[in-house]
Amino acid sequence: MPLPFQRILLTFFFSGVIGFSEVVDQQAWEKKVPENRADLAAIQARLQELIPVTQKALVSIEANDGAGSGVIVSPDGLILSAAHVIGRTGVNMEVRLLDGRRTNAVSLGGSEISDAGMLQIKEPGPWPYVKIPKLHSSKVGDWCFGLGHPGGFDIERGLVVRIGRIIEKKDETMQTDSRLLGGDSGGPLFNFEGKVIAIHSRISNEPDQNFHVPIESFQENWEFFREQDLLTFENIEQGGFLGIACEESDQGLVIQSVIPGTAAEKAGFQENDIILKIDDEVIRNREKLTIFISGKEPEDEIKIEYQRQMSTATLKLKLGSRFE
C-alpha cells in the first residue's frame, strides 16, 4: 500500500493558513501571485489533492553506480528519467515503487543534449502512471511541484515534495525554484493538473538554480528515445554537420548564426532564416535538429524547407563534417 500522506516529507509550508474564509474568484495557482490567505490555502489544498495520485507513479531507479528517480507514464511501464541516470542503452536496472515493491527494467534511448532518458519495465502491467500534457502547455510563472527520492529510496521517510514556479523555459532546459537534491535526478516535475511537465536534471546549491528536461524534449523525440540508442556527444561529433546555431520560435528554428565554411554557408543560409522541415519532416526543436543531422553521414544529401522574410523555399545540400 502507498505510504500515508502524513509520512510524506513536505519542504513547503503555509504558516497560519487554516481555512478558506476569503473568497477565491479564480484558481489561485493561475494567478500571477497569490493575493491573500485564501489563495495560499487553495494552493496548499490543491497540492494535497494531487500528491496521493501522482506519487503512485514515482519510482526509485537503482543501478550499480548509484541511484536516481523516474516516473511511469504508461500502463505498460514506460518510465521517463534522465540520461545520466540510465547511462546507456540496454542496461538492466531495478526500480522500486513507493511501497517498496521492486521490479526490473531495461534502459532504452534518450539524449545527452537535454539529459532525457527512458526505461521500460519488463514485467507486464498495468502499472500506475501519470499523464503528459499537450505540447507547450507550461510557461514561465506557472506553479509546479517536484517529487523524488533524494539520497535514495527510504521507505521510512517516504518521498520528498518540493513546490515552486517556473523561472525560465528555453529550448532543452527548464529552470525552477522547486529545490532539487542528490538522488532527485530523473524524477518528475508536475503542473497543478497533476501532469508531468519536466524531468529533474541538474542540481545546484542555489535555491533558484534547479534545472529540468522539459517534457517537450520527450514529445518531439518520442520514437527516437524509445527505439534508438542513447544519443551521446561522441555520436554527434561523428555524424553529419550542418553548421548553424539556432533558436526555437513559434514559426520554427530561427538561425542565429552561420559558421563560415560549412554546408549551411555554402548553401546560402543567412541569419534569421527559419528552418521549417528537413526531408519533409517538421523540425520545431533544436534537439530534434541535432538528432536528425547527426544521424546522417558526412556527404549525405538532405532537403531543407525554410522561410526567408515572407517567402518559403526548398534546397538540397550535402552535409559536412565537424572536423573539416
Protein backbone atom coordinates (compact mmCIF):
# COMPACT_ATOMS: atom_id res chain seq x y z
CA MET A 1 0.00 0.00 0.00
CA PRO A 2 1.23 3.58 -0.62
CA LEU A 3 2.65 5.41 2.35
CA PRO A 4 0.10 7.58 4.19
CA PHE A 5 0.18 11.22 3.27
CA GLN A 6 1.20 12.19 6.81
CA ARG A 7 4.53 10.40 6.32
CA ILE A 8 5.44 12.35 3.21
CA LEU A 9 8.11 14.95 3.90
CA LEU A 10 6.99 18.37 2.65
CA THR A 11 9.51 21.15 2.28
CA PHE A 12 6.84 23.79 1.74
CA PHE A 13 4.52 25.17 4.42
CA PHE A 14 1.90 27.90 4.65
CA SER A 15 2.24 29.44 8.09
CA GLY A 16 -1.05 30.24 9.78
CA VAL A 17 -3.26 29.15 6.86
CA ILE A 18 -6.25 27.29 8.25
CA GLY A 19 -9.35 27.74 6.13
CA PHE A 20 -11.00 29.40 3.17
CA SER A 21 -12.68 32.35 4.85
CA GLU A 22 -11.72 34.62 1.94
CA VAL A 23 -13.34 34.15 -1.45
CA VAL A 24 -11.17 32.92 -4.33
CA ASP A 25 -12.65 34.17 -7.64
CA GLN A 26 -10.33 32.05 -9.85
CA GLN A 27 -7.88 29.21 -9.43
CA ALA A 28 -5.22 30.60 -7.10
CA TRP A 29 -2.38 28.82 -8.89
CA GLU A 30 -3.34 30.50 -12.16
CA LYS A 31 -2.83 33.99 -10.76
CA LYS A 32 0.41 35.90 -11.26
CA VAL A 33 0.91 35.99 -7.47
CA PRO A 34 -1.21 34.81 -4.52
CA GLU A 35 -3.37 37.74 -3.44
CA ASN A 36 -4.50 36.67 0.03
CA ARG A 37 -4.61 33.88 2.61
CA ALA A 38 -7.38 32.15 0.71
CA ASP A 39 -5.14 31.86 -2.36
CA LEU A 40 -2.40 30.28 -0.26
CA ALA A 41 -4.88 27.89 1.29
CA ALA A 42 -6.19 26.93 -2.16
CA ILE A 43 -2.68 26.22 -3.43
CA GLN A 44 -1.97 24.11 -0.37
CA ALA A 45 -5.23 22.19 -0.73
CA ARG A 46 -4.58 21.55 -4.42
CA LEU A 47 -1.11 20.19 -3.67
CA GLN A 48 -2.52 17.87 -1.00
CA GLU A 49 -5.11 16.67 -3.51
CA LEU A 50 -2.55 15.88 -6.23
CA ILE A 51 0.20 14.17 -4.23
CA PRO A 52 -1.69 10.94 -3.39
CA VAL A 53 -2.39 10.46 -7.12
CA THR A 54 0.97 11.45 -8.60
CA GLN A 55 3.14 9.68 -6.02
CA LYS A 56 1.96 6.25 -7.17
CA ALA A 57 3.86 6.61 -10.46
CA LEU A 58 7.17 7.72 -8.87
CA VAL A 59 9.99 5.17 -8.89
CA SER A 60 13.47 4.95 -7.49
CA ILE A 61 15.98 3.66 -10.06
CA GLU A 62 18.87 1.60 -8.74
CA ALA A 63 21.98 0.71 -10.70
CA ASN A 64 25.46 -0.49 -9.76
CA ASP A 65 26.92 3.01 -9.72
CA GLY A 66 24.18 4.91 -7.88
CA ALA A 67 20.51 5.75 -7.66
CA GLY A 68 18.10 8.18 -9.23
CA SER A 69 14.40 8.69 -9.78
CA GLY A 70 11.87 8.29 -12.57
CA VAL A 71 8.17 8.37 -13.31
CA ILE A 72 5.87 5.87 -15.06
CA VAL A 73 3.87 7.43 -17.91
CA SER A 74 2.04 4.45 -19.43
CA PRO A 75 0.16 1.42 -18.09
CA ASP A 76 2.71 -0.92 -19.70
CA GLY A 77 5.52 0.58 -17.62
CA LEU A 78 7.34 3.16 -19.74
CA ILE A 79 9.48 5.31 -17.44
CA LEU A 80 10.84 8.79 -18.10
CA SER A 81 14.11 9.66 -16.38
CA ALA A 82 17.41 11.43 -17.04
CA ALA A 83 20.09 10.32 -19.49
CA HIS A 84 22.77 10.48 -16.82
CA VAL A 85 20.67 8.14 -14.66
CA ILE A 86 20.24 5.41 -17.31
CA GLY A 87 23.86 5.82 -18.51
CA ARG A 88 23.48 3.88 -21.74
CA THR A 89 21.00 1.78 -23.69
CA GLY A 90 20.32 -1.85 -22.76
CA VAL A 91 21.25 -1.68 -19.07
CA ASN A 92 19.25 -3.86 -16.68
CA MET A 93 18.12 -1.82 -13.70
CA GLU A 94 15.95 -2.33 -10.65
CA VAL A 95 13.16 0.10 -9.89
CA ARG A 96 11.20 0.47 -6.66
CA LEU A 97 7.72 1.84 -6.24
CA LEU A 98 6.70 3.98 -3.31
CA ASP A 99 5.53 0.98 -1.26
CA GLY A 100 8.95 -0.64 -1.61
CA ARG A 101 7.96 -3.16 -4.27
CA ARG A 102 10.83 -3.99 -6.65
CA THR A 103 10.69 -4.79 -10.35
CA ASN A 104 13.14 -4.99 -13.24
CA ALA A 105 13.52 -2.55 -16.12
CA VAL A 106 15.84 -2.03 -19.07
CA SER A 107 17.16 1.32 -20.28
CA LEU A 108 16.04 2.48 -23.71
CA GLY A 109 17.27 5.61 -25.51
CA GLY A 110 17.49 9.30 -24.84
CA SER A 111 19.81 12.21 -25.43
CA GLU A 112 22.73 13.78 -23.61
CA ILE A 113 21.78 17.12 -25.16
CA SER A 114 18.71 17.57 -22.99
CA ASP A 115 19.58 14.80 -20.47
CA ALA A 116 16.38 12.90 -21.34
CA GLY A 117 16.23 9.14 -20.88
CA MET A 118 13.69 6.30 -20.97
CA LEU A 119 13.35 2.86 -19.38
CA GLN A 120 10.85 0.04 -19.84
CA ILE A 121 9.61 -2.18 -17.02
CA LYS A 122 9.99 -5.80 -18.07
CA GLU A 123 7.06 -7.27 -16.15
CA PRO A 124 3.59 -6.88 -17.68
CA GLY A 125 1.27 -4.19 -16.34
CA PRO A 126 -0.90 -2.49 -15.73
CA TRP A 127 1.31 -0.12 -13.75
CA PRO A 128 0.26 3.09 -12.00
CA TYR A 129 1.05 6.02 -14.28
CA VAL A 130 0.58 9.75 -14.77
CA LYS A 131 -0.34 11.71 -17.86
CA ILE A 132 1.62 14.09 -20.06
CA PRO A 133 0.11 17.46 -21.05
CA LYS A 134 -0.27 18.90 -24.53
CA LEU A 135 2.83 20.27 -26.24
CA HIS A 136 3.95 23.67 -24.91
CA SER A 137 1.33 23.79 -22.17
CA SER A 138 3.69 25.09 -19.45
CA LYS A 139 5.08 28.60 -19.27
CA VAL A 140 7.19 30.87 -17.10
CA GLY A 141 5.40 31.74 -13.86
CA ASP A 142 3.40 28.50 -13.62
CA TRP A 143 3.22 26.77 -10.24
CA CYS A 144 4.80 23.32 -10.16
CA PHE A 145 5.90 20.67 -7.71
CA GLY A 146 8.64 18.08 -7.85
CA LEU A 147 8.78 14.56 -6.44
CA GLY A 148 11.86 12.44 -5.95
CA HIS A 149 13.97 10.22 -3.75
CA PRO A 150 16.88 12.46 -2.65
CA GLY A 151 19.58 10.35 -1.06
CA GLY A 152 17.97 7.19 -2.46
CA PHE A 153 14.88 5.19 -1.57
CA ASP A 154 13.85 5.39 2.10
CA ILE A 155 10.56 3.70 2.96
CA GLU A 156 10.52 5.17 6.47
CA ARG A 157 10.90 8.73 5.23
CA GLY A 158 8.85 8.38 2.06
CA LEU A 159 9.18 10.68 -0.92
CA VAL A 160 10.10 14.35 -0.74
CA VAL A 161 7.88 17.06 -2.23
CA ARG A 162 9.09 20.49 -3.32
CA ILE A 163 6.83 23.25 -4.63
CA GLY A 164 7.89 26.21 -6.77
CA ARG A 165 7.37 28.08 -10.01
CA ILE A 166 8.89 28.02 -13.48
CA ILE A 167 11.56 30.72 -13.73
CA GLU A 168 12.74 30.13 -17.29
CA LYS A 169 11.95 27.75 -20.11
CA LYS A 170 14.15 27.73 -23.17
CA ASP A 171 14.89 25.05 -25.74
CA GLU A 172 16.08 21.91 -23.90
CA THR A 173 16.06 23.36 -20.37
CA MET A 174 13.51 24.42 -17.76
CA GLN A 175 14.60 26.31 -14.64
CA THR A 176 12.53 26.45 -11.45
CA ASP A 177 12.82 27.31 -7.77
CA SER A 178 11.48 23.85 -6.89
CA ARG A 179 14.54 22.69 -4.97
CA LEU A 180 16.45 19.58 -6.12
CA LEU A 181 18.80 17.35 -4.12
CA GLY A 182 21.09 14.44 -4.96
CA GLY A 183 19.01 11.42 -5.94
CA ASP A 184 16.21 13.54 -7.43
CA SER A 185 17.74 13.24 -10.90
CA GLY A 186 15.24 11.70 -13.30
CA GLY A 187 12.27 12.43 -11.05
CA PRO A 188 9.12 14.23 -12.23
CA LEU A 189 8.09 17.87 -12.11
CA PHE A 190 4.29 18.29 -12.22
CA ASN A 191 1.93 21.10 -13.05
CA PHE A 192 -1.15 21.78 -10.95
CA GLU A 193 -3.21 19.45 -13.13
CA GLY A 194 -1.03 16.56 -11.96
CA LYS A 195 0.65 16.10 -15.35
CA VAL A 196 4.39 15.70 -15.93
CA ILE A 197 5.90 18.87 -17.41
CA ALA A 198 9.60 18.09 -16.89
CA ILE A 199 12.19 15.64 -15.57
CA HIS A 200 14.79 16.65 -12.97
CA SER A 201 18.27 17.04 -14.43
CA ARG A 202 20.92 19.35 -12.92
CA ILE A 203 21.18 20.25 -9.26
CA SER A 204 22.66 23.40 -7.75
CA ASN A 205 23.31 24.71 -4.25
CA GLU A 206 21.34 27.83 -5.16
CA PRO A 207 17.59 27.60 -4.41
CA ASP A 208 16.59 29.07 -7.78
CA GLN A 209 19.12 27.15 -9.89
CA ASN A 210 17.23 23.90 -10.42
CA PHE A 211 17.22 22.58 -13.98
CA HIS A 212 14.87 20.10 -15.62
CA VAL A 213 14.31 18.45 -19.02
CA PRO A 214 11.09 19.95 -20.45
CA ILE A 215 8.53 17.33 -21.44
CA GLU A 216 8.70 18.81 -24.96
CA SER A 217 12.12 17.20 -25.42
CA PHE A 218 10.47 13.82 -24.93
CA GLN A 219 7.41 14.68 -27.03
CA GLU A 220 9.41 15.93 -30.02
CA ASN A 221 11.73 12.89 -30.00
CA TRP A 222 9.48 10.19 -28.55
CA GLU A 223 10.05 7.49 -31.16
CA PHE A 224 13.79 8.08 -31.27
CA PHE A 225 14.10 7.81 -27.47
CA ARG A 226 12.05 4.60 -27.42
CA GLU A 227 13.58 2.86 -30.42
CA GLN A 228 17.18 4.11 -30.75
CA ASP A 229 20.31 4.09 -28.61
CA LEU A 230 21.12 6.90 -26.22
CA LEU A 231 22.50 9.83 -28.24
CA THR A 232 25.86 10.90 -26.83
CA PHE A 233 28.04 13.88 -27.61
CA GLU A 234 30.53 11.45 -29.11
CA ASN A 235 27.85 10.21 -31.55
CA ILE A 236 27.09 13.80 -32.52
CA GLU A 237 30.73 14.54 -33.32
CA GLN A 238 30.94 11.57 -35.70
CA GLY A 239 27.75 12.33 -37.64
CA GLY A 240 26.85 14.87 -40.30
CA PHE A 241 27.28 18.59 -39.68
CA LEU A 242 25.16 21.47 -40.97
CA GLY A 243 26.85 24.47 -39.37
CA ILE A 244 24.16 26.70 -37.87
CA ALA A 245 23.24 27.99 -34.44
CA CYS A 246 19.50 28.46 -34.00
CA GLU A 247 16.77 29.29 -31.52
CA GLU A 248 13.29 27.87 -31.16
CA SER A 249 10.29 30.02 -32.06
CA ASP A 250 6.59 29.56 -32.80
CA GLN A 251 7.37 29.62 -36.54
CA GLY A 252 10.26 27.16 -36.47
CA LEU A 253 14.01 27.20 -35.78
CA VAL A 254 15.40 30.69 -36.33
CA ILE A 255 19.03 30.75 -37.50
CA GLN A 256 21.11 32.96 -35.19
CA SER A 257 24.44 32.46 -36.91
CA VAL A 258 26.04 30.50 -39.76
CA ILE A 259 29.51 29.01 -39.33
CA PRO A 260 31.87 30.01 -42.16
CA GLY A 261 32.99 27.23 -44.49
CA THR A 262 30.21 24.82 -43.50
CA ALA A 263 27.49 23.18 -45.57
CA ALA A 264 24.98 25.78 -44.36
CA GLU A 265 27.10 28.71 -45.55
CA LYS A 266 27.84 27.06 -48.89
CA ALA A 267 24.09 26.55 -49.39
CA GLY A 268 23.47 30.26 -48.78
CA PHE A 269 21.68 30.21 -45.42
CA GLN A 270 21.52 33.54 -43.59
CA GLU A 271 20.75 34.83 -40.12
CA ASN A 272 17.00 34.99 -39.39
CA ASP A 273 16.17 32.30 -41.92
CA ILE A 274 13.66 29.90 -40.34
CA ILE A 275 14.14 26.13 -40.71
CA LEU A 276 10.72 24.52 -41.24
CA LYS A 277 11.29 20.95 -42.47
CA ILE A 278 14.12 18.57 -43.27
CA ASP A 279 13.36 15.76 -45.71
CA ASP A 280 9.67 16.67 -45.34
CA GLU A 281 9.75 16.19 -41.54
CA VAL A 282 8.71 19.17 -39.40
CA ILE A 283 11.58 20.38 -37.20
CA ARG A 284 10.49 22.57 -34.26
CA ASN A 285 13.09 21.59 -31.69
CA ARG A 286 16.85 22.19 -31.62
CA GLU A 287 17.49 18.78 -30.14
CA LYS A 288 15.46 17.13 -32.90
CA LEU A 289 17.53 19.01 -35.48
CA THR A 290 20.76 17.75 -33.91
CA ILE A 291 19.43 14.20 -33.68
CA PHE A 292 18.35 14.28 -37.33
CA ILE A 293 21.60 15.74 -38.67
CA SER A 294 23.96 13.66 -36.50
CA GLY A 295 22.08 10.54 -37.61
CA LYS A 296 23.30 11.21 -41.15
CA GLU A 297 26.79 10.72 -42.50
CA PRO A 298 29.04 13.49 -43.83
CA GLU A 299 28.34 13.90 -47.57
CA ASP A 300 24.74 12.67 -47.19
CA GLU A 301 22.26 14.83 -49.08
CA ILE A 302 19.26 16.38 -47.33
CA LYS A 303 16.38 18.61 -48.40
CA ILE A 304 15.59 21.67 -46.25
CA GLU A 305 12.45 23.78 -46.40
CA TYR A 306 12.98 27.23 -44.92
CA GLN A 307 11.44 30.68 -44.72
CA ARG A 308 13.24 33.94 -45.51
CA GLN A 309 11.23 37.03 -44.68
CA MET A 310 7.80 36.22 -46.15
CA SER A 311 8.89 33.67 -48.74
CA THR A 312 9.29 29.89 -48.41
CA ALA A 313 11.87 27.95 -50.38
CA THR A 314 13.44 24.49 -50.55
CA LEU A 315 17.02 23.50 -51.29
CA LYS A 316 19.20 20.41 -51.26
CA LEU A 317 22.69 20.25 -49.77
CA LYS A 318 25.38 17.77 -48.79
CA LEU A 319 26.26 17.67 -45.10
CA GLY A 320 29.78 18.30 -43.95
CA SER A 321 31.90 17.09 -41.03
CA ARG A 322 32.70 18.79 -37.72
CA PHE A 323 36.37 18.11 -38.39
CA GLU A 324 36.64 19.89 -41.74
